[in-house]
Amino acid sequence: MVSAKIELKINTSVLKNLITKTEILISESSDYMAEEMKKSITSGAKSGKQYGNHTASAPGQAPANWTGQLLRSIKVEKLKRISYVFVSAKYAEFLEFGTSKMRARPFIIPAFIKTKRMIQDRLKRMAI
């Protein structure tokens, strides 16, 4: 008869440390995403139509900051293991995805992609 014994030993202090680092990462990633959205709106030259002294964003560019309402509507809500990033401006969806009369001015999905890369990088470093 052949038998094998498999035993799993868990170092709980290492596991607890990893959970704590992950909770911090969740919190930091929501802040990072909100800041990336805000940065895309406030930085970079916009090349759309000119309205007086305001230059709008061109299709494909992040929205231009005109009144500041979109920026102020970007909020983060944090719980222990969950963080939410909200954009409460009613027109944010139209900017992100466009309409039948306006092409998209994405700022949420590009920020999400950058945040995803940041999280992946941090997780790789945590695993080492």
Protein backbone atom coordinates (compact mmCIF):
# COMPACT_ATOMS: atom_id res chain seq x y z
CA MET A 1 0.00 0.00 0.00
CA VAL A 2 1.22 3.49 -0.91
CA SER A 3 0.18 6.49 1.10
CA ALA A 4 1.08 10.13 1.22
CA LYS A 5 0.58 12.74 3.86
CA ILE A 6 0.04 16.33 2.86
CA GLU A 7 0.17 18.93 5.57
CA LEU A 8 -0.58 22.60 5.19
CA LYS A 9 1.04 24.95 7.65
CA ILE A 10 -0.14 28.52 7.60
CA ASN A 11 1.89 31.33 9.05
CA THR A 12 -0.98 33.49 10.29
CA SER A 13 1.17 36.55 10.95
CA VAL A 14 2.28 36.59 7.30
CA LEU A 15 -1.31 36.12 6.19
CA LYS A 16 -2.56 38.94 8.44
CA ASN A 17 0.20 41.20 7.13
CA LEU A 18 -0.82 40.43 3.55
CA ILE A 19 -4.48 41.20 4.34
CA THR A 20 -3.49 44.53 5.92
CA LYS A 21 -1.37 45.46 2.90
CA THR A 22 -4.25 44.54 0.59
CA GLU A 23 -6.69 46.71 2.56
CA ILE A 24 -4.26 49.63 2.27
CA LEU A 25 -3.90 48.97 -1.46
CA ILE A 26 -7.68 49.06 -1.92
CA SER A 27 -7.86 52.40 -0.15
CA GLU A 28 -4.92 53.88 -2.04
CA SER A 29 -6.14 52.63 -5.42
CA SER A 30 -9.47 54.45 -5.10
CA ASP A 31 -7.64 57.69 -4.28
CA TYR A 32 -5.29 57.06 -7.20
CA MET A 33 -8.17 56.53 -9.62
CA ALA A 34 -9.98 59.68 -8.50
CA GLU A 35 -6.77 61.71 -8.84
CA GLU A 36 -6.09 60.26 -12.30
CA MET A 37 -9.58 61.30 -13.42
CA LYS A 38 -9.05 64.81 -12.05
CA LYS A 39 -5.58 65.05 -13.56
CA SER A 40 -6.85 64.09 -17.01
CA ILE A 41 -9.48 66.85 -16.82
CA THR A 42 -7.18 69.61 -15.54
CA SER A 43 -3.94 68.87 -17.38
CA GLY A 44 -2.89 68.64 -20.96
CA ALA A 45 -3.74 71.04 -23.72
CA LYS A 46 -7.25 70.69 -25.11
CA SER A 47 -7.66 71.10 -28.84
CA GLY A 48 -11.40 71.33 -29.37
CA LYS A 49 -13.55 74.31 -30.27
CA GLN A 50 -12.84 77.71 -28.80
CA TYR A 51 -15.62 79.41 -26.79
CA GLY A 52 -14.39 82.84 -25.77
CA ASN A 53 -11.33 82.18 -23.60
CA HIS A 54 -12.29 78.50 -23.03
CA THR A 55 -10.98 75.71 -25.24
CA ALA A 56 -13.16 72.62 -25.20
CA SER A 57 -11.76 69.11 -25.46
CA ALA A 58 -11.65 67.38 -28.81
CA PRO A 59 -13.25 63.95 -29.29
CA GLY A 60 -11.12 61.31 -27.58
CA GLN A 61 -9.53 63.79 -25.16
CA ALA A 62 -10.50 63.96 -21.51
CA PRO A 63 -13.11 66.67 -20.86
CA ALA A 64 -11.88 70.22 -20.44
CA ASN A 65 -12.40 71.86 -17.07
CA TRP A 66 -14.75 74.79 -17.51
CA THR A 67 -16.91 75.25 -14.42
CA GLY A 68 -15.24 72.76 -12.08
CA GLN A 69 -18.52 70.92 -11.52
CA LEU A 70 -17.22 67.66 -13.00
CA LEU A 71 -14.09 67.81 -10.82
CA ARG A 72 -16.10 68.50 -7.68
CA SER A 73 -18.40 65.58 -8.46
CA ILE A 74 -15.56 63.02 -8.28
CA LYS A 75 -15.67 61.49 -4.81
CA VAL A 76 -14.22 58.49 -2.99
CA GLU A 77 -16.04 56.50 -0.31
CA LYS A 78 -14.02 54.03 1.73
CA LEU A 79 -15.07 51.13 3.88
CA LYS A 80 -12.62 48.66 5.43
CA ARG A 81 -12.26 46.33 2.45
CA ILE A 82 -14.23 48.18 -0.21
CA SER A 83 -13.69 51.57 -1.79
CA TYR A 84 -15.96 53.34 -4.25
CA VAL A 85 -15.14 56.08 -6.73
CA PHE A 86 -18.21 58.11 -7.69
CA VAL A 87 -18.77 60.69 -10.38
CA SER A 88 -22.07 62.36 -9.60
CA ALA A 89 -22.25 64.96 -12.37
CA LYS A 90 -25.33 64.03 -14.39
CA TYR A 91 -23.50 64.55 -17.69
CA ALA A 92 -20.43 62.41 -16.82
CA GLU A 93 -21.87 59.38 -18.63
CA PHE A 94 -22.39 61.43 -21.81
CA LEU A 95 -18.80 62.66 -21.68
CA GLU A 96 -17.38 59.18 -21.05
CA PHE A 97 -19.34 57.32 -23.72
CA GLY A 98 -20.55 60.06 -26.05
CA THR A 99 -24.02 60.56 -27.45
CA SER A 100 -25.58 60.43 -30.88
CA LYS A 101 -24.50 64.08 -31.32
CA MET A 102 -21.17 64.14 -29.46
CA ARG A 103 -18.20 61.81 -29.55
CA ALA A 104 -16.79 60.53 -26.25
CA ARG A 105 -14.43 62.46 -24.00
CA PRO A 106 -13.29 59.53 -21.83
CA PHE A 107 -11.78 60.12 -18.40
CA ILE A 108 -13.11 57.25 -16.26
CA ILE A 109 -11.98 54.21 -18.25
CA PRO A 110 -8.45 55.60 -18.88
CA ALA A 111 -8.12 56.27 -15.12
CA PHE A 112 -9.40 52.75 -14.39
CA ILE A 113 -6.80 51.24 -16.75
CA LYS A 114 -3.97 53.21 -15.07
CA THR A 115 -5.25 52.18 -11.66
CA LYS A 116 -5.43 48.54 -12.71
CA ARG A 117 -1.77 48.70 -13.81
CA MET A 118 -0.79 50.33 -10.50
CA ILE A 119 -2.60 47.59 -8.54
CA GLN A 120 -0.97 44.83 -10.60
CA ASP A 121 2.47 46.35 -10.03
CA ARG A 122 1.90 46.67 -6.29
CA LEU A 123 0.56 43.11 -6.02
CA LYS A 124 3.64 41.78 -7.82
CA ARG A 125 5.87 43.60 -5.32
CA MET A 126 3.80 42.29 -2.38
CA ALA A 127 4.22 38.73 -3.64
CA ILE A 128 8.01 38.95 -3.57
